[in-house]
PDB file of all heavy atoms in Angstrom:
ATOM      1  N   PHE A   1      -8.575   3.779  -7.671  1.00  0.00           N
ATOM      2  CA  PHE A   1      -8.674   2.741  -8.675  1.00  0.00           C
ATOM      3  C   PHE A   1      -8.042   1.429  -8.117  1.00  0.00           C
ATOM      4  O   PHE A   1      -6.871   1.132  -8.454  1.00  0.00           O
ATOM      5  CB  PHE A   1      -7.958   3.171  -9.923  1.00  0.00           C
ATOM      6  CG  PHE A   1      -8.451   4.419 -10.536  1.00  0.00           C
ATOM      7  CD1 PHE A   1      -7.761   5.631 -10.333  1.00  0.00           C
ATOM      8  CD2 PHE A   1      -9.616   4.484 -11.254  1.00  0.00           C
ATOM      9  CE1 PHE A   1      -8.163   6.813 -10.891  1.00  0.00           C
ATOM     10  CE2 PHE A   1     -10.069   5.650 -11.811  1.00  0.00           C
ATOM     11  CZ  PHE A   1      -9.368   6.850 -11.607  1.00  0.00           C
ATOM     12  N   PRO A   2      -8.797   0.627  -7.409  1.00  0.00           N
ATOM     13  CA  PRO A   2      -8.255  -0.623  -6.936  1.00  0.00           C
ATOM     14  C   PRO A   2      -7.912  -1.618  -8.074  1.00  0.00           C
ATOM     15  O   PRO A   2      -7.022  -2.518  -7.843  1.00  0.00           O
ATOM     16  CB  PRO A   2      -9.415  -1.218  -6.108  1.00  0.00           C
ATOM     17  CG  PRO A   2     -10.660  -0.511  -6.505  1.00  0.00           C
ATOM     18  CD  PRO A   2     -10.155   0.873  -6.953  1.00  0.00           C
ATOM     19  N   SER A   3      -8.447  -1.440  -9.228  1.00  0.00           N
ATOM     20  CA  SER A   3      -8.116  -2.348 -10.369  1.00  0.00           C
ATOM     21  C   SER A   3      -6.700  -2.173 -10.861  1.00  0.00           C
ATOM     22  O   SER A   3      -6.174  -2.995 -11.600  1.00  0.00           O
ATOM     23  CB  SER A   3      -9.120  -2.113 -11.489  1.00  0.00           C
ATOM     24  OG  SER A   3      -9.022  -0.807 -11.962  1.00  0.00           O
ATOM     25  N   LEU A   4      -6.032  -1.073 -10.417  1.00  0.00           N
ATOM     26  CA  LEU A   4      -4.659  -0.838 -10.831  1.00  0.00           C
ATOM     27  C   LEU A   4      -3.632  -1.717 -10.080  1.00  0.00           C
ATOM     28  O   LEU A   4      -2.456  -1.657 -10.331  1.00  0.00           O
ATOM     29  CB  LEU A   4      -4.284   0.656 -10.750  1.00  0.00           C
ATOM     30  CG  LEU A   4      -4.948   1.554 -11.753  1.00  0.00           C
ATOM     31  CD1 LEU A   4      -4.530   3.034 -11.496  1.00  0.00           C
ATOM     32  CD2 LEU A   4      -4.518   1.152 -13.211  1.00  0.00           C
ATOM     33  N   GLY A   5      -4.124  -2.454  -9.125  1.00  0.00           N
ATOM     34  CA  GLY A   5      -3.256  -3.367  -8.389  1.00  0.00           C
ATOM     35  C   GLY A   5      -2.181  -2.684  -7.601  1.00  0.00           C
ATOM     36  O   GLY A   5      -2.416  -1.859  -6.704  1.00  0.00           O
ATOM     37  N   ILE A   6      -0.908  -2.959  -7.949  1.00  0.00           N
ATOM     38  CA  ILE A   6       0.217  -2.442  -7.198  1.00  0.00           C
ATOM     39  C   ILE A   6       0.278  -0.946  -7.244  1.00  0.00           C
ATOM     40  O   ILE A   6       0.722  -0.275  -6.256  1.00  0.00           O
ATOM     41  CB  ILE A   6       1.529  -3.073  -7.633  1.00  0.00           C
ATOM     42  CG1 ILE A   6       2.673  -2.766  -6.660  1.00  0.00           C
ATOM     43  CG2 ILE A   6       1.920  -2.625  -9.046  1.00  0.00           C
ATOM     44  CD1 ILE A   6       3.934  -3.528  -6.922  1.00  0.00           C
ATOM     45  N   LEU A   7      -0.119  -0.292  -8.336  1.00  0.00           N
ATOM     46  CA  LEU A   7      -0.135   1.135  -8.446  1.00  0.00           C
ATOM     47  C   LEU A   7      -1.082   1.775  -7.435  1.00  0.00           C
ATOM     48  O   LEU A   7      -0.816   2.769  -6.816  1.00  0.00           O
ATOM     49  CB  LEU A   7      -0.499   1.584  -9.840  1.00  0.00           C
ATOM     50  CG  LEU A   7       0.542   1.249 -10.927  1.00  0.00           C
ATOM     51  CD1 LEU A   7      -0.024   1.766 -12.301  1.00  0.00           C
ATOM     52  CD2 LEU A   7       1.826   1.922 -10.669  1.00  0.00           C
ATOM     53  N   SER A   8      -2.279   1.133  -7.261  1.00  0.00           N
ATOM     54  CA  SER A   8      -3.169   1.593  -6.253  1.00  0.00           C
ATOM     55  C   SER A   8      -2.658   1.360  -4.826  1.00  0.00           C
ATOM     56  O   SER A   8      -2.838   2.171  -3.944  1.00  0.00           O
ATOM     57  CB  SER A   8      -4.551   0.930  -6.442  1.00  0.00           C
ATOM     58  OG  SER A   8      -5.482   1.311  -5.421  1.00  0.00           O
ATOM     59  N   ARG A   9      -2.041   0.209  -4.653  1.00  0.00           N
ATOM     60  CA  ARG A   9      -1.469  -0.122  -3.318  1.00  0.00           C
ATOM     61  C   ARG A   9      -0.328   0.848  -2.904  1.00  0.00           C
ATOM     62  O   ARG A   9      -0.112   1.019  -1.716  1.00  0.00           O
ATOM     63  CB  ARG A   9      -0.957  -1.524  -3.315  1.00  0.00           C
ATOM     64  CG  ARG A   9      -2.015  -2.635  -3.469  1.00  0.00           C
ATOM     65  CD  ARG A   9      -1.423  -3.960  -3.478  1.00  0.00           C
ATOM     66  NE  ARG A   9      -0.725  -4.277  -2.219  1.00  0.00           N
ATOM     67  CZ  ARG A   9       0.305  -5.169  -2.113  1.00  0.00           C
ATOM     68  NH1 ARG A   9       0.716  -5.826  -3.219  1.00  0.00           N
ATOM     69  NH2 ARG A   9       0.891  -5.333  -0.962  1.00  0.00           N
ATOM     70  N   LEU A  10       0.323   1.381  -3.895  1.00  0.00           N
ATOM     71  CA  LEU A  10       1.377   2.415  -3.586  1.00  0.00           C
ATOM     72  C   LEU A  10       0.806   3.554  -2.777  1.00  0.00           C
ATOM     73  O   LEU A  10       1.499   4.153  -1.940  1.00  0.00           O
ATOM     74  CB  LEU A  10       1.989   2.940  -4.853  1.00  0.00           C
ATOM     75  CG  LEU A  10       3.062   2.095  -5.549  1.00  0.00           C
ATOM     76  CD1 LEU A  10       3.413   2.708  -6.883  1.00  0.00           C
ATOM     77  CD2 LEU A  10       4.300   1.965  -4.658  1.00  0.00           C
ATOM     78  N   ALA A  11      -0.442   3.899  -3.028  1.00  0.00           N
ATOM     79  CA  ALA A  11      -1.054   5.066  -2.399  1.00  0.00           C
ATOM     80  C   ALA A  11      -1.795   4.716  -1.086  1.00  0.00           C
ATOM     81  O   ALA A  11      -2.360   5.555  -0.436  1.00  0.00           O
ATOM     82  CB  ALA A  11      -2.085   5.674  -3.346  1.00  0.00           C
ATOM     83  N   ASP A  12      -1.781   3.387  -0.670  1.00  0.00           N
ATOM     84  CA  ASP A  12      -2.564   2.949   0.444  1.00  0.00           C
ATOM     85  C   ASP A  12      -1.725   2.974   1.716  1.00  0.00           C
ATOM     86  O   ASP A  12      -0.670   2.351   1.755  1.00  0.00           O
ATOM     87  CB  ASP A  12      -3.091   1.520   0.163  1.00  0.00           C
ATOM     88  CG  ASP A  12      -4.335   1.183   1.040  1.00  0.00           C
ATOM     89  OD1 ASP A  12      -4.374   1.561   2.266  1.00  0.00           O
ATOM     90  OD2 ASP A  12      -5.274   0.634   0.448  1.00  0.00           O
ATOM     91  N   HIS A  13      -2.240   3.605   2.795  1.00  0.00           N
ATOM     92  CA  HIS A  13      -1.545   3.680   4.029  1.00  0.00           C
ATOM     93  C   HIS A  13      -1.854   2.518   4.942  1.00  0.00           C
ATOM     94  O   HIS A  13      -1.137   2.313   5.931  1.00  0.00           O
ATOM     95  CB  HIS A  13      -1.929   4.984   4.792  1.00  0.00           C
ATOM     96  CG  HIS A  13      -1.388   6.208   4.133  1.00  0.00           C
ATOM     97  ND1 HIS A  13      -0.134   6.693   4.221  1.00  0.00           N
ATOM     98  CD2 HIS A  13      -2.036   7.153   3.312  1.00  0.00           C
ATOM     99  CE1 HIS A  13       0.049   7.798   3.572  1.00  0.00           C
ATOM    100  NE2 HIS A  13      -1.133   8.069   2.991  1.00  0.00           N
ATOM    101  N   SER A  14      -2.863   1.763   4.633  1.00  0.00           N
ATOM    102  CA  SER A  14      -3.276   0.670   5.516  1.00  0.00           C
ATOM    103  C   SER A  14      -2.286  -0.488   5.372  1.00  0.00           C
ATOM    104  O   SER A  14      -1.774  -0.848   4.291  1.00  0.00           O
ATOM    105  CB  SER A  14      -4.709   0.155   5.164  1.00  0.00           C
ATOM    106  OG  SER A  14      -4.713  -0.511   3.934  1.00  0.00           O
ATOM    107  N   LEU A  15      -2.047  -1.189   6.477  1.00  0.00           N
ATOM    108  CA  LEU A  15      -1.160  -2.334   6.520  1.00  0.00           C
ATOM    109  C   LEU A  15      -1.686  -3.540   5.794  1.00  0.00           C
ATOM    110  O   LEU A  15      -0.944  -4.360   5.308  1.00  0.00           O
ATOM    111  CB  LEU A  15      -0.760  -2.722   7.951  1.00  0.00           C
ATOM    112  CG  LEU A  15      -0.027  -1.652   8.785  1.00  0.00           C
ATOM    113  CD1 LEU A  15       0.225  -2.138  10.189  1.00  0.00           C
ATOM    114  CD2 LEU A  15       1.223  -1.216   8.115  1.00  0.00           C
ATOM    115  N   GLU A  16      -3.049  -3.562   5.723  1.00  0.00           N
ATOM    116  CA  GLU A  16      -3.701  -4.658   5.041  1.00  0.00           C
ATOM    117  C   GLU A  16      -3.549  -4.612   3.564  1.00  0.00           C
ATOM    118  O   GLU A  16      -3.326  -5.668   2.863  1.00  0.00           O
ATOM    119  CB  GLU A  16      -5.173  -4.674   5.383  1.00  0.00           C
ATOM    120  CG  GLU A  16      -5.534  -4.942   6.867  1.00  0.00           C
ATOM    121  CD  GLU A  16      -5.304  -3.674   7.705  1.00  0.00           C
ATOM    122  OE1 GLU A  16      -5.241  -2.619   7.131  1.00  0.00           O
ATOM    123  OE2 GLU A  16      -5.172  -3.892   8.952  1.00  0.00           O
ATOM    124  N   ASN A  17      -3.632  -3.429   2.973  1.00  0.00           N
ATOM    125  CA  ASN A  17      -3.615  -3.277   1.468  1.00  0.00           C
ATOM    126  C   ASN A  17      -2.389  -2.567   0.973  1.00  0.00           C
ATOM    127  O   ASN A  17      -2.076  -2.691  -0.220  1.00  0.00           O
ATOM    128  CB  ASN A  17      -4.858  -2.535   1.036  1.00  0.00           C
ATOM    129  CG  ASN A  17      -6.163  -3.235   1.432  1.00  0.00           C
ATOM    130  OD1 ASN A  17      -6.235  -4.441   1.356  1.00  0.00           O
ATOM    131  ND2 ASN A  17      -7.086  -2.509   1.921  1.00  0.00           N
ATOM    132  N   GLY A  18      -1.671  -1.757   1.763  1.00  0.00           N
ATOM    133  CA  GLY A  18      -0.559  -1.050   1.316  1.00  0.00           C
ATOM    134  C   GLY A  18       0.724  -1.906   1.185  1.00  0.00           C
ATOM    135  O   GLY A  18       0.680  -3.127   1.558  1.00  0.00           O
ATOM    136  N   ILE A  19       1.760  -1.348   0.682  1.00  0.00           N
ATOM    137  CA  ILE A  19       3.043  -2.093   0.497  1.00  0.00           C
ATOM    138  C   ILE A  19       3.908  -1.748   1.707  1.00  0.00           C
ATOM    139  O   ILE A  19       4.481  -0.700   1.898  1.00  0.00           O
ATOM    140  CB  ILE A  19       3.728  -1.629  -0.751  1.00  0.00           C
ATOM    141  CG1 ILE A  19       2.874  -1.954  -1.989  1.00  0.00           C
ATOM    142  CG2 ILE A  19       5.069  -2.407  -0.918  1.00  0.00           C
ATOM    143  CD1 ILE A  19       3.456  -1.457  -3.323  1.00  0.00           C
ATOM    144  N   VAL A  20       4.017  -2.779   2.641  1.00  0.00           N
ATOM    145  CA  VAL A  20       4.703  -2.580   3.890  1.00  0.00           C
ATOM    146  C   VAL A  20       6.248  -2.668   3.679  1.00  0.00           C
ATOM    147  O   VAL A  20       6.720  -3.639   3.083  1.00  0.00           O
ATOM    148  CB  VAL A  20       4.306  -3.604   4.949  1.00  0.00           C
ATOM    149  CG1 VAL A  20       5.008  -3.459   6.269  1.00  0.00           C
ATOM    150  CG2 VAL A  20       2.737  -3.515   5.164  1.00  0.00           C
ATOM    151  N   ILE A  21       6.965  -1.678   4.189  1.00  0.00           N
ATOM    152  CA  ILE A  21       8.406  -1.689   4.036  1.00  0.00           C
ATOM    153  C   ILE A  21       9.137  -1.865   5.350  1.00  0.00           C
ATOM    154  O   ILE A  21      10.284  -2.318   5.371  1.00  0.00           O
ATOM    155  CB  ILE A  21       8.909  -0.430   3.338  1.00  0.00           C
ATOM    156  CG1 ILE A  21       8.411   0.849   4.034  1.00  0.00           C
ATOM    157  CG2 ILE A  21       8.454  -0.423   1.832  1.00  0.00           C
ATOM    158  CD1 ILE A  21       8.944   2.164   3.453  1.00  0.00           C
ATOM    159  N   LEU A  22       8.480  -1.455   6.434  1.00  0.00           N
ATOM    160  CA  LEU A  22       9.085  -1.530   7.779  1.00  0.00           C
ATOM    161  C   LEU A  22       7.914  -1.809   8.768  1.00  0.00           C
ATOM    162  O   LEU A  22       6.767  -1.663   8.412  1.00  0.00           O
ATOM    163  CB  LEU A  22       9.804  -0.217   8.192  1.00  0.00           C
ATOM    164  CG  LEU A  22      11.094   0.071   7.485  1.00  0.00           C
ATOM    165  CD1 LEU A  22      11.555   1.504   7.827  1.00  0.00           C
ATOM    166  CD2 LEU A  22      12.188  -0.913   7.847  1.00  0.00           C
ATOM    167  N   PRO A  23       8.198  -2.290  10.004  1.00  0.00           N
ATOM    168  CA  PRO A  23       7.111  -2.586  10.906  1.00  0.00           C
ATOM    169  C   PRO A  23       6.098  -1.430  11.129  1.00  0.00           C
ATOM    170  O   PRO A  23       6.468  -0.426  11.673  1.00  0.00           O
ATOM    171  CB  PRO A  23       7.870  -2.888  12.221  1.00  0.00           C
ATOM    172  CG  PRO A  23       9.220  -3.344  11.789  1.00  0.00           C
ATOM    173  CD  PRO A  23       9.487  -2.511  10.598  1.00  0.00           C
ATOM    174  N   GLY A  24       4.902  -1.630  10.610  1.00  0.00           N
ATOM    175  CA  GLY A  24       3.857  -0.645  10.759  1.00  0.00           C
ATOM    176  C   GLY A  24       3.910   0.487   9.705  1.00  0.00           C
ATOM    177  O   GLY A  24       3.088   1.393   9.735  1.00  0.00           O
ATOM    178  N   MET A  25       4.788   0.391   8.768  1.00  0.00           N
ATOM    179  CA  MET A  25       5.007   1.506   7.811  1.00  0.00           C
ATOM    180  C   MET A  25       4.902   1.018   6.348  1.00  0.00           C
ATOM    181  O   MET A  25       5.533   0.026   5.922  1.00  0.00           O
ATOM    182  CB  MET A  25       6.381   2.143   8.016  1.00  0.00           C
ATOM    183  CG  MET A  25       6.621   3.374   7.157  1.00  0.00           C
ATOM    184  SD  MET A  25       8.305   4.064   7.569  1.00  0.00           S
ATOM    185  CE  MET A  25       8.115   5.689   6.776  1.00  0.00           C
ATOM    186  N   THR A  26       4.080   1.755   5.550  1.00  0.00           N
ATOM    187  CA  THR A  26       3.966   1.455   4.110  1.00  0.00           C
ATOM    188  C   THR A  26       4.762   2.466   3.254  1.00  0.00           C
ATOM    189  O   THR A  26       5.201   3.490   3.840  1.00  0.00           O
ATOM    190  CB  THR A  26       2.484   1.465   3.667  1.00  0.00           C
ATOM    191  OG1 THR A  26       2.015   2.818   3.793  1.00  0.00           O
ATOM    192  CG2 THR A  26       1.649   0.556   4.525  1.00  0.00           C
ATOM    193  N   ILE A  27       4.865   2.163   2.037  1.00  0.00           N
ATOM    194  CA  ILE A  27       5.604   3.144   1.128  1.00  0.00           C
ATOM    195  C   ILE A  27       4.895   4.532   1.130  1.00  0.00           C
ATOM    196  O   ILE A  27       5.607   5.545   1.142  1.00  0.00           O
ATOM    197  CB  ILE A  27       5.595   2.566  -0.301  1.00  0.00           C
ATOM    198  CG1 ILE A  27       6.682   1.434  -0.408  1.00  0.00           C
ATOM    199  CG2 ILE A  27       5.923   3.649  -1.291  1.00  0.00           C
ATOM    200  CD1 ILE A  27       6.835   0.871  -1.798  1.00  0.00           C
ATOM    201  N   ALA A  28       3.566   4.496   1.150  1.00  0.00           N
ATOM    202  CA  ALA A  28       2.834   5.828   1.151  1.00  0.00           C
ATOM    203  C   ALA A  28       3.166   6.653   2.368  1.00  0.00           C
ATOM    204  O   ALA A  28       3.116   7.864   2.289  1.00  0.00           O
ATOM    205  CB  ALA A  28       1.370   5.522   1.051  1.00  0.00           C
TER     206      ALA A  28
END
C-alpha cells in the first residue's frame, strides 16, 4: 500500500523509498 506513506516505507528495503538509518541500511 504505497498510499500509506511512511507506514509503507517502513517495510521498504530499497534505499530510494525506504527509511535509511545508516549507510546502506533501512529500518526494514
